[in-house]
Amino acid sequence: MDDLQEKATLAKSILDGVIQSSHHEDEKVGRILTSMSFLTVGASIVFSTFLGNRIGVFLYGVDLVSVLFFAYIFTLVLGTIIMLESMSPRLHIQSGRKHGSGDAGVTSDHLESMHFFKSIARTDEAGWLAYFKNASGDDILNRECEDTLRQARFLSIKVTRKVEYIRKAKWVILFASFFLVAMVAAGVLSYL
């Protein structure tokens, strides 16, 4: 029992570390989106000031300041969509079950674990209670340990995908920032 308890504690520690990583990435997304919203308010004020002062740089009959502002907004919205998608990317993991001729990818909807509310909800109440009444403490602890490790792996895949989405979104948002800098530079140059 002591060895099993130590394994369960270690598995819980692993899961806690993965959950902490996921929270860290979520907080990162929040900080990036907050800074981008303040920057966009500033960009809108600068753009409306240029518009109000009838400032523009015309290239081939097109107002470059307006084009750069709308390019900024477009790329910023695209980056924001990618960033928000990072919060819940579509996942396909291997369940370990055989479906047909090979393993099929499943989502958390089909993952059997004591830790997933959908898995618990699929179990009828009588069966759920009977499992805990009839199983030995070692059996429950063993299942808890396996489910904890399964959930840690599942969430690790999710965090890895989240980081990939965030990285892509940061590049798009950086590209949007170049449009903003170019817009401000074009507007300032038009005063000269």
Protein backbone atom coordinates (compact mmCIF):
# COMPACT_ATOMS: atom_id res chain seq x y z
CA MET A 1 0.00 0.00 0.00
CA ASP A 2 2.84 2.43 0.81
CA ASP A 3 4.44 1.89 -2.61
CA LEU A 4 1.09 2.42 -4.34
CA GLN A 5 0.43 5.52 -2.24
CA GLU A 6 3.85 6.93 -3.21
CA LYS A 7 3.11 6.28 -6.89
CA ALA A 8 -0.29 7.96 -6.58
CA THR A 9 1.31 10.98 -4.89
CA LEU A 10 3.97 11.18 -7.60
CA ALA A 11 1.32 10.89 -10.33
CA LYS A 12 -0.66 13.70 -8.67
CA SER A 13 2.50 15.81 -8.56
CA ILE A 14 3.05 15.23 -12.28
CA LEU A 15 -0.54 16.20 -13.04
CA ASP A 16 -0.26 19.33 -10.90
CA GLY A 17 2.85 20.38 -12.84
CA VAL A 18 1.06 19.95 -16.16
CA ILE A 19 -1.99 21.88 -14.89
CA GLN A 20 0.32 24.66 -13.72
CA SER A 21 1.90 24.79 -17.20
CA SER A 22 -1.54 25.06 -18.76
CA HIS A 23 -2.50 27.90 -16.40
CA HIS A 24 0.77 29.68 -17.19
CA GLU A 25 0.03 29.54 -20.93
CA ASP A 26 -3.54 30.77 -20.33
CA GLU A 27 -2.19 33.71 -18.33
CA LYS A 28 0.28 34.44 -21.12
CA VAL A 29 -2.58 34.60 -23.62
CA GLY A 30 -4.46 36.96 -21.32
CA ARG A 31 -1.46 39.28 -20.97
CA ILE A 32 -0.87 39.35 -24.73
CA LEU A 33 -4.53 40.05 -25.52
CA THR A 34 -4.70 42.78 -22.87
CA SER A 35 -1.63 44.54 -24.23
CA MET A 36 -2.95 44.24 -27.78
CA SER A 37 -6.27 45.81 -26.77
CA PHE A 38 -4.49 48.83 -25.26
CA LEU A 39 -2.27 49.10 -28.32
CA THR A 40 -5.31 48.96 -30.59
CA VAL A 41 -7.01 51.76 -28.66
CA GLY A 42 -3.85 53.81 -29.14
CA ALA A 43 -3.73 52.94 -32.84
CA SER A 44 -7.36 53.97 -33.25
CA ILE A 45 -6.71 57.31 -31.55
CA VAL A 46 -3.67 57.96 -33.75
CA PHE A 47 -5.58 56.95 -36.88
CA SER A 48 -8.57 59.14 -36.01
CA THR A 49 -6.21 62.05 -35.28
CA PHE A 50 -4.62 61.65 -38.71
CA LEU A 51 -8.08 61.38 -40.25
CA GLY A 52 -9.35 64.42 -38.33
CA ASN A 53 -6.37 66.49 -39.44
CA ARG A 54 -6.84 65.23 -43.00
CA ILE A 55 -3.37 63.74 -42.91
CA GLY A 56 -2.58 61.09 -45.42
CA VAL A 57 0.13 59.79 -47.65
CA PHE A 58 -1.24 59.02 -51.07
CA LEU A 59 0.45 56.42 -53.19
CA TYR A 60 -1.17 55.73 -56.57
CA GLY A 61 -4.32 57.49 -55.35
CA VAL A 62 -4.64 55.32 -52.24
CA ASP A 63 -4.29 56.70 -48.71
CA LEU A 64 -1.39 54.70 -47.29
CA VAL A 65 -2.25 55.57 -43.67
CA SER A 66 -5.74 54.06 -44.04
CA VAL A 67 -4.46 50.98 -45.83
CA LEU A 68 -1.84 50.38 -43.12
CA PHE A 69 -4.43 50.87 -40.35
CA PHE A 70 -6.83 48.37 -41.91
CA ALA A 71 -3.95 45.93 -42.53
CA TYR A 72 -3.07 46.30 -38.83
CA ILE A 73 -6.66 45.59 -37.76
CA PHE A 74 -6.96 42.61 -40.12
CA THR A 75 -3.74 40.94 -38.97
CA LEU A 76 -4.51 41.74 -35.36
CA VAL A 77 -7.94 40.08 -35.62
CA LEU A 78 -6.34 37.07 -37.31
CA GLY A 79 -3.73 36.82 -34.53
CA THR A 80 -6.44 37.18 -31.89
CA ILE A 81 -8.49 34.38 -33.44
CA ILE A 82 -5.44 32.10 -33.44
CA MET A 83 -4.66 33.13 -29.85
CA LEU A 84 -8.22 32.36 -28.72
CA GLU A 85 -8.08 29.03 -30.53
CA SER A 86 -5.02 28.21 -28.41
CA MET A 87 -7.31 28.13 -25.40
CA SER A 88 -9.15 25.09 -26.76
CA PRO A 89 -7.39 23.42 -29.68
CA ARG A 90 -8.96 20.35 -31.17
CA LEU A 91 -7.24 17.31 -29.77
CA HIS A 92 -6.83 13.80 -31.06
CA ILE A 93 -5.09 11.39 -28.74
CA GLN A 94 -4.63 7.65 -28.71
CA SER A 95 -6.93 5.99 -26.18
CA GLY A 96 -5.21 2.64 -26.19
CA ARG A 97 -8.42 0.99 -27.41
CA LYS A 98 -8.61 -0.81 -30.72
CA HIS A 99 -11.15 0.52 -33.19
CA GLY A 100 -11.37 -1.57 -36.31
CA SER A 101 -7.95 -2.40 -37.73
CA GLY A 102 -5.96 0.10 -35.64
CA ASP A 103 -6.01 2.71 -32.93
CA ALA A 104 -8.28 5.65 -33.66
CA GLY A 105 -7.74 9.12 -32.28
CA VAL A 106 -10.31 10.24 -29.74
CA THR A 107 -11.06 13.43 -27.92
CA SER A 108 -11.57 13.91 -24.20
CA ASP A 109 -15.25 13.06 -24.81
CA HIS A 110 -14.26 9.39 -25.09
CA LEU A 111 -11.43 9.25 -22.55
CA GLU A 112 -12.35 7.05 -19.62
CA SER A 113 -11.05 8.57 -16.39
CA MET A 114 -12.22 9.44 -12.90
CA HIS A 115 -10.93 12.95 -13.63
CA PHE A 116 -13.08 13.84 -16.63
CA PHE A 117 -16.59 15.01 -15.86
CA LYS A 118 -17.93 13.57 -19.12
CA SER A 119 -16.56 10.15 -18.21
CA ILE A 120 -18.11 10.36 -14.74
CA ALA A 121 -21.43 11.59 -16.16
CA ARG A 122 -21.57 8.65 -18.62
CA THR A 123 -21.41 6.22 -15.70
CA ASP A 124 -24.77 5.52 -14.11
CA GLU A 125 -24.99 6.63 -10.49
CA ALA A 126 -25.55 3.15 -9.10
CA GLY A 127 -22.54 1.77 -10.98
CA TRP A 128 -20.39 4.72 -9.89
CA LEU A 129 -21.30 4.26 -6.21
CA ALA A 130 -21.05 0.47 -6.39
CA TYR A 131 -17.51 0.71 -7.75
CA PHE A 132 -16.38 2.63 -4.69
CA LYS A 133 -18.32 0.43 -2.25
CA ASN A 134 -17.14 -2.88 -3.70
CA ALA A 135 -13.57 -2.13 -4.80
CA SER A 136 -10.68 -2.41 -2.40
CA GLY A 137 -8.71 0.68 -1.42
CA ASP A 138 -5.74 -0.64 -3.40
CA ASP A 139 -7.90 -1.09 -6.52
CA ILE A 140 -9.28 2.43 -6.26
CA LEU A 141 -5.82 3.87 -5.57
CA ASN A 142 -4.37 1.92 -8.51
CA ARG A 143 -7.11 3.22 -10.83
CA GLU A 144 -6.62 6.74 -9.45
CA CYS A 145 -2.91 6.53 -10.20
CA GLU A 146 -3.51 5.31 -13.77
CA ASP A 147 -6.22 7.90 -14.42
CA THR A 148 -4.01 10.67 -13.03
CA LEU A 149 -1.15 9.69 -15.34
CA ARG A 150 -3.57 9.36 -18.27
CA GLN A 151 -4.94 12.83 -17.59
CA ALA A 152 -1.42 14.28 -17.20
CA ARG A 153 -0.49 12.89 -20.61
CA PHE A 154 -3.71 14.16 -22.18
CA LEU A 155 -3.21 17.65 -20.73
CA SER A 156 0.46 17.61 -21.79
CA ILE A 157 -0.65 17.12 -25.39
CA LYS A 158 -3.14 19.96 -24.95
CA VAL A 159 -0.48 22.31 -23.51
CA THR A 160 1.92 21.42 -26.33
CA ARG A 161 -0.72 22.31 -28.92
CA LYS A 162 -1.59 25.46 -26.98
CA VAL A 163 2.04 26.60 -27.11
CA GLU A 164 2.14 25.96 -30.88
CA TYR A 165 -0.98 28.10 -31.40
CA ILE A 166 0.39 30.87 -29.19
CA ARG A 167 3.68 30.90 -31.09
CA LYS A 168 1.85 31.25 -34.43
CA ALA A 169 -0.41 33.96 -33.04
CA LYS A 170 2.55 35.93 -31.66
CA TRP A 171 4.14 36.01 -35.13
CA VAL A 172 0.92 37.25 -36.71
CA ILE A 173 0.52 39.89 -33.99
CA LEU A 174 4.14 40.94 -34.45
CA PHE A 175 3.43 41.35 -38.16
CA ALA A 176 0.39 43.48 -37.22
CA SER A 177 2.64 45.66 -35.09
CA PHE A 178 4.82 46.38 -38.11
CA PHE A 179 1.74 47.71 -39.90
CA LEU A 180 1.03 49.93 -36.89
CA VAL A 181 4.58 51.31 -36.85
CA ALA A 182 4.43 51.91 -40.61
CA MET A 183 1.09 53.72 -40.24
CA VAL A 184 2.43 56.02 -37.53
CA ALA A 185 5.61 56.66 -39.53
CA ALA A 186 3.61 57.46 -42.68
CA GLY A 187 1.34 59.79 -40.72
CA VAL A 188 4.23 61.60 -39.06
CA LEU A 189 6.07 61.92 -42.39
CA SER A 190 2.98 63.50 -43.91
CA TYR A 191 3.35 66.40 -41.43
CA LEU A 192 6.84 67.13 -42.80
